[in-house]
């Protein structure tokens, strides 16, 4: 059920490129040690880095914490796909 009138909230807090805390996360669409693809309240977000892993996840509360070395954050326009996104088959058939 969608709550009308409630403003969408999405926050990022990064500490020394090693710990990233996010709010407003509605889905983790894919992830591995180098890339996370998230659906947030304000659109898709791609996080890239090295040795990335989930420290804490609560989709009910919209919270996600990621540890590792973060190298980039990129928001994708609605309906677009990242040019560098590997996709499921690209990751399977390297």
C-alpha atoms as a PDB file:
ATOM      1  CA  UNK A   1       0.000   0.000   0.000  1.00  0.00           C
ATOM      2  CA  UNK A   2       1.401   3.380  -1.021  1.00  0.00           C
ATOM      3  CA  UNK A   3       1.326   6.198   1.509  1.00  0.00           C
ATOM      4  CA  UNK A   4       0.280   9.432  -0.190  1.00  0.00           C
ATOM      5  CA  UNK A   5       1.505  12.783   1.070  1.00  0.00           C
ATOM      6  CA  UNK A   6       4.672  11.358   2.625  1.00  0.00           C
ATOM      7  CA  UNK A   7       7.815  13.032   1.261  1.00  0.00           C
ATOM      8  CA  UNK A   8      10.416  10.678  -0.161  1.00  0.00           C
ATOM      9  CA  UNK A   9      13.609  10.560   1.889  1.00  0.00           C
ATOM     10  CA  UNK A  10      17.022   9.276   0.855  1.00  0.00           C
ATOM     11  CA  UNK A  11      20.272  10.027   2.682  1.00  0.00           C
ATOM     12  CA  UNK A  12      23.902   8.975   2.273  1.00  0.00           C
ATOM     13  CA  UNK A  13      26.641   9.146   4.899  1.00  0.00           C
ATOM     14  CA  UNK A  14      30.118   7.992   3.894  1.00  0.00           C
ATOM     15  CA  UNK A  15      33.045   7.724   6.301  1.00  0.00           C
ATOM     16  CA  UNK A  16      36.542   7.736   4.774  1.00  0.00           C
ATOM     17  CA  UNK A  17      35.307   5.846   1.672  1.00  0.00           C
ATOM     18  CA  UNK A  18      35.210   2.698   3.852  1.00  0.00           C
ATOM     19  CA  UNK A  19      31.688   2.736   5.320  1.00  0.00           C
ATOM     20  CA  UNK A  20      28.538   3.896   3.541  1.00  0.00           C
ATOM     21  CA  UNK A  21      25.224   4.225   5.381  1.00  0.00           C
ATOM     22  CA  UNK A  22      22.089   4.770   3.277  1.00  0.00           C
ATOM     23  CA  UNK A  23      18.431   5.411   4.016  1.00  0.00           C
ATOM     24  CA  UNK A  24      15.505   5.281   1.612  1.00  0.00           C
ATOM     25  CA  UNK A  25      16.608   1.955   0.097  1.00  0.00           C
ATOM     26  CA  UNK A  26      13.625  -0.003  -1.224  1.00  0.00           C
ATOM     27  CA  UNK A  27      15.449  -2.893  -2.934  1.00  0.00           C
ATOM     28  CA  UNK A  28      18.928  -4.338  -3.497  1.00  0.00           C
ATOM     29  CA  UNK A  29      18.637  -5.461  -7.109  1.00  0.00           C
ATOM     30  CA  UNK A  30      22.109  -6.974  -7.402  1.00  0.00           C
ATOM     31  CA  UNK A  31      25.440  -6.907  -5.648  1.00  0.00           C
ATOM     32  CA  UNK A  32      28.893  -8.401  -5.636  1.00  0.00           C
ATOM     33  CA  UNK A  33      32.251  -7.371  -4.179  1.00  0.00           C
ATOM     34  CA  UNK A  34      32.704  -4.675  -6.854  1.00  0.00           C
ATOM     35  CA  UNK A  35      29.206  -3.303  -7.547  1.00  0.00           C
ATOM     36  CA  UNK A  36      25.829  -2.753  -5.879  1.00  0.00           C
ATOM     37  CA  UNK A  37      22.685  -1.786  -7.798  1.00  0.00           C
ATOM     38  CA  UNK A  38      20.036  -0.335  -5.500  1.00  0.00           C
ATOM     39  CA  UNK A  39      16.522   1.000  -5.918  1.00  0.00           C
ATOM     40  CA  UNK A  40      16.120   4.018  -3.648  1.00  0.00           C
ATOM     41  CA  UNK A  41      13.212   6.345  -2.957  1.00  0.00           C
ATOM     42  CA  UNK A  42      14.755   8.752  -5.488  1.00  0.00           C
ATOM     43  CA  UNK A  43      15.852   6.328  -8.239  1.00  0.00           C
ATOM     44  CA  UNK A  44      18.440   3.685  -9.051  1.00  0.00           C
ATOM     45  CA  UNK A  45      21.888   4.042  -7.505  1.00  0.00           C
ATOM     46  CA  UNK A  46      25.022   2.182  -8.578  1.00  0.00           C
ATOM     47  CA  UNK A  47      27.863   1.913  -6.062  1.00  0.00           C
ATOM     48  CA  UNK A  48      31.238   0.664  -7.284  1.00  0.00           C
ATOM     49  CA  UNK A  49      34.374  -0.200  -5.376  1.00  0.00           C
ATOM     50  CA  UNK A  50      36.486  -3.059  -4.041  1.00  0.00           C
ATOM     51  CA  UNK A  51      35.799  -5.654  -1.346  1.00  0.00           C
ATOM     52  CA  UNK A  52      32.252  -4.327  -0.928  1.00  0.00           C
ATOM     53  CA  UNK A  53      29.926  -6.239   1.366  1.00  0.00           C
ATOM     54  CA  UNK A  54      26.718  -5.687   3.278  1.00  0.00           C
ATOM     55  CA  UNK A  55      27.251  -4.810   6.916  1.00  0.00           C
ATOM     56  CA  UNK A  56      23.563  -4.235   7.734  1.00  0.00           C
ATOM     57  CA  UNK A  57      20.326  -4.428   5.732  1.00  0.00           C
ATOM     58  CA  UNK A  58      16.733  -3.690   6.702  1.00  0.00           C
ATOM     59  CA  UNK A  59      14.480  -3.160   3.690  1.00  0.00           C
ATOM     60  CA  UNK A  60      11.493  -2.746   6.017  1.00  0.00           C
ATOM     61  CA  UNK A  61      13.167   0.382   7.416  1.00  0.00           C
ATOM     62  CA  UNK A  62      14.945   1.282   4.146  1.00  0.00           C
ATOM     63  CA  UNK A  63      18.410   1.023   5.725  1.00  0.00           C
ATOM     64  CA  UNK A  64      21.623  -0.335   4.201  1.00  0.00           C
ATOM     65  CA  UNK A  65      25.236  -0.203   5.383  1.00  0.00           C
ATOM     66  CA  UNK A  66      28.064  -1.186   3.034  1.00  0.00           C
ATOM     67  CA  UNK A  67      31.697  -1.762   4.013  1.00  0.00           C
ATOM     68  CA  UNK A  68      34.653  -1.811   1.632  1.00  0.00           C
ATOM     69  CA  UNK A  69      36.472   0.728  -0.519  1.00  0.00           C
ATOM     70  CA  UNK A  70      33.960   2.920  -2.380  1.00  0.00           C
ATOM     71  CA  UNK A  71      35.233   4.334  -5.681  1.00  0.00           C
ATOM     72  CA  UNK A  72      32.044   5.762  -7.234  1.00  0.00           C
ATOM     73  CA  UNK A  73      28.367   6.520  -6.696  1.00  0.00           C
ATOM     74  CA  UNK A  74      26.132   7.036  -9.737  1.00  0.00           C
ATOM     75  CA  UNK A  75      22.423   7.740  -9.941  1.00  0.00           C
ATOM     76  CA  UNK A  76      20.715   6.456 -13.068  1.00  0.00           C
ATOM     77  CA  UNK A  77      17.928   8.300 -14.826  1.00  0.00           C
ATOM     78  CA  UNK A  78      14.594   6.453 -14.765  1.00  0.00           C
ATOM     79  CA  UNK A  79      14.401   3.911 -17.595  1.00  0.00           C
ATOM     80  CA  UNK A  80      18.121   4.053 -18.412  1.00  0.00           C
ATOM     81  CA  UNK A  81      20.765   1.392 -17.906  1.00  0.00           C
ATOM     82  CA  UNK A  82      24.359   2.099 -16.981  1.00  0.00           C
ATOM     83  CA  UNK A  83      26.733   1.697 -19.933  1.00  0.00           C
ATOM     84  CA  UNK A  84      29.234  -0.038 -17.673  1.00  0.00           C
ATOM     85  CA  UNK A  85      26.706  -2.182 -15.820  1.00  0.00           C
ATOM     86  CA  UNK A  86      27.589  -5.818 -16.339  1.00  0.00           C
ATOM     87  CA  UNK A  87      24.113  -7.317 -15.979  1.00  0.00           C
ATOM     88  CA  UNK A  88      23.432 -10.883 -14.932  1.00  0.00           C
ATOM     89  CA  UNK A  89      24.670 -12.601 -18.087  1.00  0.00           C
ATOM     90  CA  UNK A  90      27.714 -10.358 -18.360  1.00  0.00           C
ATOM     91  CA  UNK A  91      28.775 -11.389 -14.873  1.00  0.00           C
ATOM     92  CA  UNK A  92      28.153 -15.080 -15.600  1.00  0.00           C
ATOM     93  CA  UNK A  93      30.062 -15.173 -18.906  1.00  0.00           C
ATOM     94  CA  UNK A  94      33.181 -13.068 -18.291  1.00  0.00           C
END
